[in-house]
C-alpha atoms as a PDB file:
ATOM      1  CA  UNK A   1      35.854  -0.679 -13.514  1.00  0.00           C
ATOM      2  CA  UNK A   2      32.849  -2.185 -12.558  1.00  0.00           C
ATOM      3  CA  UNK A   3      30.136   0.781 -12.090  1.00  0.00           C
ATOM      4  CA  UNK A   4      31.417   1.633 -15.714  1.00  0.00           C
ATOM      5  CA  UNK A   5      30.670  -1.523 -16.638  1.00  0.00           C
ATOM      6  CA  UNK A   6      27.015  -1.301 -14.924  1.00  0.00           C
ATOM      7  CA  UNK A   7      26.384   2.205 -17.201  1.00  0.00           C
ATOM      8  CA  UNK A   8      27.309   0.843 -20.263  1.00  0.00           C
ATOM      9  CA  UNK A   9      24.714  -1.349 -19.583  1.00  0.00           C
ATOM     10  CA  UNK A  10      27.857  -4.586 -19.626  1.00  0.00           C
ATOM     11  CA  UNK A  11      26.283  -6.169 -16.278  1.00  0.00           C
ATOM     12  CA  UNK A  12      27.673  -9.070 -17.644  1.00  0.00           C
ATOM     13  CA  UNK A  13      30.588  -7.819 -17.520  1.00  0.00           C
ATOM     14  CA  UNK A  14      30.350  -6.118 -14.069  1.00  0.00           C
ATOM     15  CA  UNK A  15      29.287  -8.884 -12.243  1.00  0.00           C
ATOM     16  CA  UNK A  16      32.287 -10.736 -13.560  1.00  0.00           C
ATOM     17  CA  UNK A  17      34.748  -8.126 -11.971  1.00  0.00           C
ATOM     18  CA  UNK A  18      33.027  -7.658  -9.001  1.00  0.00           C
ATOM     19  CA  UNK A  19      33.357 -11.339  -8.605  1.00  0.00           C
ATOM     20  CA  UNK A  20      36.707 -10.550  -8.932  1.00  0.00           C
ATOM     21  CA  UNK A  21      37.007  -7.977  -6.055  1.00  0.00           C
ATOM     22  CA  UNK A  22      34.976 -10.714  -3.531  1.00  0.00           C
ATOM     23  CA  UNK A  23      37.858 -12.774  -4.369  1.00  0.00           C
ATOM     24  CA  UNK A  24      40.346 -10.799  -4.032  1.00  0.00           C
ATOM     25  CA  UNK A  25      39.335  -9.183  -0.297  1.00  0.00           C
ATOM     26  CA  UNK A  26      35.987 -12.406   0.955  1.00  0.00           C
ATOM     27  CA  UNK A  27      35.973 -10.271   3.654  1.00  0.00           C
ATOM     28  CA  UNK A  28      35.250  -7.817   2.579  1.00  0.00           C
ATOM     29  CA  UNK A  29      31.157  -5.745   2.985  1.00  0.00           C
ATOM     30  CA  UNK A  30      31.251  -4.007   0.220  1.00  0.00           C
ATOM     31  CA  UNK A  31      31.933  -5.734  -2.663  1.00  0.00           C
ATOM     32  CA  UNK A  32      29.264  -8.945  -2.173  1.00  0.00           C
ATOM     33  CA  UNK A  33      27.141  -5.779  -1.082  1.00  0.00           C
ATOM     34  CA  UNK A  34      27.684  -4.342  -4.578  1.00  0.00           C
ATOM     35  CA  UNK A  35      27.311  -8.335  -6.567  1.00  0.00           C
ATOM     36  CA  UNK A  36      24.531  -8.993  -4.882  1.00  0.00           C
ATOM     37  CA  UNK A  37      22.262  -5.872  -5.431  1.00  0.00           C
ATOM     38  CA  UNK A  38      23.455  -6.604  -8.461  1.00  0.00           C
ATOM     39  CA  UNK A  39      21.979  -9.950  -8.706  1.00  0.00           C
ATOM     40  CA  UNK A  40      18.666  -9.130  -7.124  1.00  0.00           C
ATOM     41  CA  UNK A  41      18.182  -7.335  -9.497  1.00  0.00           C
ATOM     42  CA  UNK A  42      17.994  -9.877 -12.179  1.00  0.00           C
ATOM     43  CA  UNK A  43      14.932 -10.159 -10.324  1.00  0.00           C
ATOM     44  CA  UNK A  44      14.167 -13.898 -10.980  1.00  0.00           C
ATOM     45  CA  UNK A  45      14.341 -16.169  -7.747  1.00  0.00           C
ATOM     46  CA  UNK A  46      17.420 -17.892  -8.076  1.00  0.00           C
ATOM     47  CA  UNK A  47      19.754 -14.765  -8.783  1.00  0.00           C
ATOM     48  CA  UNK A  48      17.872 -13.209  -5.296  1.00  0.00           C
ATOM     49  CA  UNK A  49      19.090 -16.579  -4.070  1.00  0.00           C
ATOM     50  CA  UNK A  50      22.579 -16.505  -5.626  1.00  0.00           C
ATOM     51  CA  UNK A  51      22.388 -12.664  -4.461  1.00  0.00           C
ATOM     52  CA  UNK A  52      21.292 -13.736  -0.990  1.00  0.00           C
ATOM     53  CA  UNK A  53      24.907 -16.523  -1.107  1.00  0.00           C
ATOM     54  CA  UNK A  54      26.553 -14.150  -0.924  1.00  0.00           C
ATOM     55  CA  UNK A  55      25.767 -12.844   1.667  1.00  0.00           C
ATOM     56  CA  UNK A  56      26.027 -15.611   3.959  1.00  0.00           C
ATOM     57  CA  UNK A  57      28.952 -16.704   2.647  1.00  0.00           C
ATOM     58  CA  UNK A  58      30.195 -13.215   3.511  1.00  0.00           C
ATOM     59  CA  UNK A  59      28.843 -13.724   7.330  1.00  0.00           C
ATOM     60  CA  UNK A  60      30.461 -16.921   8.069  1.00  0.00           C
ATOM     61  CA  UNK A  61      33.839 -15.045   7.224  1.00  0.00           C
ATOM     62  CA  UNK A  62      32.876 -12.077   8.884  1.00  0.00           C
ATOM     63  CA  UNK A  63      30.483 -11.161  11.711  1.00  0.00           C
ATOM     64  CA  UNK A  64      31.175  -7.768  11.997  1.00  0.00           C
ATOM     65  CA  UNK A  65      28.680  -4.730  12.022  1.00  0.00           C
ATOM     66  CA  UNK A  66      29.315  -3.136   7.686  1.00  0.00           C
ATOM     67  CA  UNK A  67      29.506  -6.960   6.641  1.00  0.00           C
ATOM     68  CA  UNK A  68      25.842  -7.183   9.179  1.00  0.00           C
ATOM     69  CA  UNK A  69      24.108  -3.657   7.853  1.00  0.00           C
ATOM     70  CA  UNK A  70      25.212  -4.502   4.417  1.00  0.00           C
ATOM     71  CA  UNK A  71      23.416  -8.095   4.658  1.00  0.00           C
ATOM     72  CA  UNK A  72      20.767  -6.027   6.174  1.00  0.00           C
ATOM     73  CA  UNK A  73      20.569  -3.961   3.519  1.00  0.00           C
ATOM     74  CA  UNK A  74      19.908  -5.966   1.240  1.00  0.00           C
ATOM     75  CA  UNK A  75      17.718  -8.516   3.408  1.00  0.00           C
ATOM     76  CA  UNK A  76      15.361  -5.236   3.019  1.00  0.00           C
ATOM     77  CA  UNK A  77      15.838  -4.844  -0.119  1.00  0.00           C
ATOM     78  CA  UNK A  78      14.803  -8.412  -0.338  1.00  0.00           C
ATOM     79  CA  UNK A  79      11.152  -7.445   1.725  1.00  0.00           C
ATOM     80  CA  UNK A  80      12.817  -9.928   4.141  1.00  0.00           C
ATOM     81  CA  UNK A  81      12.936  -7.355   7.287  1.00  0.00           C
ATOM     82  CA  UNK A  82      12.387  -9.548  10.701  1.00  0.00           C
ATOM     83  CA  UNK A  83      16.186 -10.981   8.960  1.00  0.00           C
ATOM     84  CA  UNK A  84      17.288  -6.860   8.682  1.00  0.00           C
ATOM     85  CA  UNK A  85      16.314  -6.148  12.210  1.00  0.00           C
ATOM     86  CA  UNK A  86      18.049  -9.696  13.148  1.00  0.00           C
ATOM     87  CA  UNK A  87      21.429  -8.601  12.133  1.00  0.00           C
ATOM     88  CA  UNK A  88      21.316  -5.158  13.077  1.00  0.00           C
ATOM     89  CA  UNK A  89      20.296  -5.900  16.305  1.00  0.00           C
ATOM     90  CA  UNK A  90      23.253  -8.518  16.905  1.00  0.00           C
ATOM     91  CA  UNK A  91      24.680  -4.874  16.419  1.00  0.00           C
ATOM     92  CA  UNK A  92      25.119  -3.022  20.046  1.00  0.00           C
ATOM     93  CA  UNK A  93      22.306  -0.021  19.557  1.00  0.00           C
ATOM     94  CA  UNK A  94      25.888   2.418  20.577  1.00  0.00           C
ATOM     95  CA  UNK A  95      27.802   1.470  17.548  1.00  0.00           C
ATOM     96  CA  UNK A  96      25.634   1.787  15.644  1.00  0.00           C
ATOM     97  CA  UNK A  97      25.759   4.151  12.712  1.00  0.00           C
ATOM     98  CA  UNK A  98      22.973   6.641  11.292  1.00  0.00           C
ATOM     99  CA  UNK A  99      22.754   4.466   8.312  1.00  0.00           C
ATOM    100  CA  UNK A 100      21.854   2.288  10.292  1.00  0.00           C
ATOM    101  CA  UNK A 101      19.432   3.769  12.349  1.00  0.00           C
ATOM    102  CA  UNK A 102      17.423   4.829   9.039  1.00  0.00           C
ATOM    103  CA  UNK A 103      17.367   1.487   7.959  1.00  0.00           C
ATOM    104  CA  UNK A 104      15.617   0.593  11.368  1.00  0.00           C
ATOM    105  CA  UNK A 105      13.664   3.464  11.262  1.00  0.00           C
ATOM    106  CA  UNK A 106      12.947   2.240   6.994  1.00  0.00           C
ATOM    107  CA  UNK A 107      11.909  -1.600   7.616  1.00  0.00           C
ATOM    108  CA  UNK A 108       9.837  -1.275  10.764  1.00  0.00           C
ATOM    109  CA  UNK A 109       7.525   1.917   8.797  1.00  0.00           C
ATOM    110  CA  UNK A 110       7.286  -0.446   5.215  1.00  0.00           C
ATOM    111  CA  UNK A 111       6.053  -3.336   7.562  1.00  0.00           C
ATOM    112  CA  UNK A 112       3.441  -1.086   9.277  1.00  0.00           C
ATOM    113  CA  UNK A 113       2.895   0.447   5.821  1.00  0.00           C
ATOM    114  CA  UNK A 114       2.128  -3.122   5.528  1.00  0.00           C
ATOM    115  CA  UNK A 115      -0.572  -3.721   8.289  1.00  0.00           C
ATOM    116  CA  UNK A 116      -2.148  -0.721   7.389  1.00  0.00           C
ATOM    117  CA  UNK A 117      -3.068  -2.186   3.865  1.00  0.00           C
ATOM    118  CA  UNK A 118      -3.805  -5.340   5.341  1.00  0.00           C
ATOM    119  CA  UNK A 119      -6.246  -4.173   7.161  1.00  0.00           C
ATOM    120  CA  UNK A 120      -7.636  -1.919   4.233  1.00  0.00           C
ATOM    121  CA  UNK A 121      -7.933  -5.157   1.575  1.00  0.00           C
ATOM    122  CA  UNK A 122     -10.507  -6.418   4.724  1.00  0.00           C
ATOM    123  CA  UNK A 123     -12.132  -3.520   4.632  1.00  0.00           C
ATOM    124  CA  UNK A 124     -11.288  -3.008   8.399  1.00  0.00           C
ATOM    125  CA  UNK A 125     -11.305   0.412   8.859  1.00  0.00           C
ATOM    126  CA  UNK A 126     -11.651   0.566  12.641  1.00  0.00           C
ATOM    127  CA  UNK A 127      -8.741  -0.607  13.222  1.00  0.00           C
ATOM    128  CA  UNK A 128      -6.920   1.345  10.603  1.00  0.00           C
ATOM    129  CA  UNK A 129      -7.735   3.992  12.831  1.00  0.00           C
ATOM    130  CA  UNK A 130      -6.937   2.529  16.404  1.00  0.00           C
ATOM    131  CA  UNK A 131      -3.903   1.785  14.624  1.00  0.00           C
ATOM    132  CA  UNK A 132      -3.073   5.852  13.527  1.00  0.00           C
ATOM    133  CA  UNK A 133      -3.582   6.582  16.557  1.00  0.00           C
ATOM    134  CA  UNK A 134      -1.832   4.455  18.170  1.00  0.00           C
ATOM    135  CA  UNK A 135       1.661   5.288  16.097  1.00  0.00           C
ATOM    136  CA  UNK A 136       1.508   9.178  15.652  1.00  0.00           C
ATOM    137  CA  UNK A 137       5.179   9.193  15.317  1.00  0.00           C
ATOM    138  CA  UNK A 138       4.250   8.237  11.753  1.00  0.00           C
ATOM    139  CA  UNK A 139       2.232  11.045  11.213  1.00  0.00           C
ATOM    140  CA  UNK A 140       4.630  13.133   8.734  1.00  0.00           C
ATOM    141  CA  UNK A 141       4.941  10.345   6.582  1.00  0.00           C
ATOM    142  CA  UNK A 142       3.223  10.819   3.249  1.00  0.00           C
ATOM    143  CA  UNK A 143       1.649   7.582   2.975  1.00  0.00           C
ATOM    144  CA  UNK A 144      -0.165   7.528   6.158  1.00  0.00           C
ATOM    145  CA  UNK A 145      -1.427  10.889   5.687  1.00  0.00           C
ATOM    146  CA  UNK A 146      -2.876   9.055   2.574  1.00  0.00           C
ATOM    147  CA  UNK A 147      -4.899   7.138   4.759  1.00  0.00           C
ATOM    148  CA  UNK A 148      -6.158   9.189   7.669  1.00  0.00           C
ATOM    149  CA  UNK A 149      -7.420  10.687   3.775  1.00  0.00           C
ATOM    150  CA  UNK A 150      -8.999   8.025   3.355  1.00  0.00           C
ATOM    151  CA  UNK A 151     -10.962   7.462   6.815  1.00  0.00           C
ATOM    152  CA  UNK A 152     -11.609  11.063   6.996  1.00  0.00           C
ATOM    153  CA  UNK A 153     -14.183  10.696   3.259  1.00  0.00           C
ATOM    154  CA  UNK A 154     -15.468   7.432   5.321  1.00  0.00           C
ATOM    155  CA  UNK A 155     -16.466  10.283   8.394  1.00  0.00           C
ATOM    156  CA  UNK A 156     -18.449  12.522   5.582  1.00  0.00           C
ATOM    157  CA  UNK A 157     -22.339  12.437   5.523  1.00  0.00           C
ATOM    158  CA  UNK A 158     -23.070  11.644   2.270  1.00  0.00           C
ATOM    159  CA  UNK A 159     -26.378  14.768   0.591  1.00  0.00           C
ATOM    160  CA  UNK A 160     -27.487  11.654  -2.726  1.00  0.00           C
ATOM    161  CA  UNK A 161     -30.585  12.734  -5.080  1.00  0.00           C
ATOM    162  CA  UNK A 162     -31.498  11.408  -7.642  1.00  0.00           C
ATOM    163  CA  UNK A 163     -34.535  12.372 -10.476  1.00  0.00           C
ATOM    164  CA  UNK A 164     -36.759   9.133 -12.141  1.00  0.00           C
ATOM    165  CA  UNK A 165     -39.960   9.908 -14.347  1.00  0.00           C
ATOM    166  CA  UNK A 166     -41.698   7.276 -16.161  1.00  0.00           C
ATOM    167  CA  UNK A 167     -45.003   6.796 -17.477  1.00  0.00           C
ATOM    168  CA  UNK A 168     -47.379   3.563 -18.057  1.00  0.00           C
ATOM    169  CA  UNK A 169     -49.147   4.885 -21.007  1.00  0.00           C
ATOM    170  CA  UNK A 170     -52.998   4.223 -21.181  1.00  0.00           C
ATOM    171  CA  UNK A 171     -56.431   6.524 -21.453  1.00  0.00           C
ATOM    172  CA  UNK A 172     -56.288  10.068 -20.062  1.00  0.00           C
ATOM    173  CA  UNK A 173     -58.070   9.739 -16.103  1.00  0.00           C
ATOM    174  CA  UNK A 174     -58.217   5.490 -16.372  1.00  0.00           C
ATOM    175  CA  UNK A 175     -55.306   3.650 -17.295  1.00  0.00           C
ATOM    176  CA  UNK A 176     -52.118   7.002 -17.743  1.00  0.00           C
ATOM    177  CA  UNK A 177     -50.212   7.246 -14.892  1.00  0.00           C
ATOM    178  CA  UNK A 178     -47.389   9.931 -15.860  1.00  0.00           C
ATOM    179  CA  UNK A 179     -44.955   9.883 -11.951  1.00  0.00           C
ATOM    180  CA  UNK A 180     -42.308  11.827 -10.886  1.00  0.00           C
ATOM    181  CA  UNK A 181     -39.713  10.211  -7.967  1.00  0.00           C
ATOM    182  CA  UNK A 182     -37.272  12.326  -6.558  1.00  0.00           C
ATOM    183  CA  UNK A 183     -35.583   9.988  -4.152  1.00  0.00           C
ATOM    184  CA  UNK A 184     -33.949  11.839  -1.262  1.00  0.00           C
ATOM    185  CA  UNK A 185     -30.300   9.724   0.663  1.00  0.00           C
ATOM    186  CA  UNK A 186     -28.416  10.413   3.530  1.00  0.00           C
ATOM    187  CA  UNK A 187     -25.904   8.833   4.484  1.00  0.00           C
ATOM    188  CA  UNK A 188     -24.759   9.855   8.658  1.00  0.00           C
ATOM    189  CA  UNK A 189     -21.551   7.209   8.952  1.00  0.00           C
ATOM    190  CA  UNK A 190     -21.261   5.370  12.554  1.00  0.00           C
ATOM    191  CA  UNK A 191     -17.781   5.066  12.444  1.00  0.00           C
ATOM    192  CA  UNK A 192     -15.417   3.563   9.733  1.00  0.00           C
ATOM    193  CA  UNK A 193     -17.545   0.586   9.039  1.00  0.00           C
ATOM    194  CA  UNK A 194     -20.999   1.619   9.447  1.00  0.00           C
ATOM    195  CA  UNK A 195     -23.414   3.214   8.598  1.00  0.00           C
ATOM    196  CA  UNK A 196     -26.959   4.887   9.381  1.00  0.00           C
ATOM    197  CA  UNK A 197     -28.539   5.933   6.430  1.00  0.00           C
ATOM    198  CA  UNK A 198     -32.191   7.530   5.775  1.00  0.00           C
ATOM    199  CA  UNK A 199     -34.094   8.166   2.447  1.00  0.00           C
ATOM    200  CA  UNK A 200     -37.330   9.972   1.608  1.00  0.00           C
ATOM    201  CA  UNK A 201     -39.423   9.272  -1.574  1.00  0.00           C
ATOM    202  CA  UNK A 202     -41.695  12.532  -2.636  1.00  0.00           C
ATOM    203  CA  UNK A 203     -43.333  11.169  -5.581  1.00  0.00           C
ATOM    204  CA  UNK A 204     -45.773  12.780  -7.811  1.00  0.00           C
ATOM    205  CA  UNK A 205     -48.444  10.675  -9.855  1.00  0.00           C
ATOM    206  CA  UNK A 206     -50.746  12.046 -12.298  1.00  0.00           C
ATOM    207  CA  UNK A 207     -53.243   9.908 -14.184  1.00  0.00           C
ATOM    208  CA  UNK A 208     -54.664  12.744 -15.759  1.00  0.00           C
ATOM    209  CA  UNK A 209     -58.779  14.421 -16.315  1.00  0.00           C
ATOM    210  CA  UNK A 210     -61.166  11.460 -18.172  1.00  0.00           C
ATOM    211  CA  UNK A 211     -62.488  13.273 -20.806  1.00  0.00           C
ATOM    212  CA  UNK A 212     -66.157  13.095 -20.619  1.00  0.00           C
ATOM    213  CA  UNK A 213     -67.132  13.934 -24.043  1.00  0.00           C
ATOM    214  CA  UNK A 214     -65.796  10.940 -25.551  1.00  0.00           C
ATOM    215  CA  UNK A 215     -66.808   8.569 -22.273  1.00  0.00           C
ATOM    216  CA  UNK A 216     -69.147   5.902 -22.797  1.00  0.00           C
END
């Protein structure tokens, strides 16, 4: 009934139904999880805190594997990655389900990506490269591939060339100068953060010729 109400957009009525289900069976984790995610979707701090409280109350009644897993799912959803891992690690690994193993991988991968993005924002690209080299198991993930592409772009040699023309008006051969400048710059990456550049300027300046017939 709650699911049908959610599909029709009546989330308030759905929440009432789920709360009744929780009241009738307080130790069942998945009624609690459905109610908690419904509240969490509202997005405000108060609703998110209420969602967490619902699962915490469930843990006080039932510390079994499924209640811990449901609580860990909510924690991961709320970016409380450490809480999610603590909840699952309280269950012996021999009792883990495939869902728990998948959640652990997702949580650890999310934390790993956040650390890489933090290093990127700080401009610590050498540290990013080191982190990528130390964790080859994540190479198949699309986000890691994008980060690696960014690092490869930083290793590419760049050649830049432009053309500049300047004219100083005046008398031919005396104060008039027409110049053409062609700067050429080569950027040679030393690592992911330092770049050596070599620049060469070709300058051609022409003052013209003095017109002797008009010179006094």
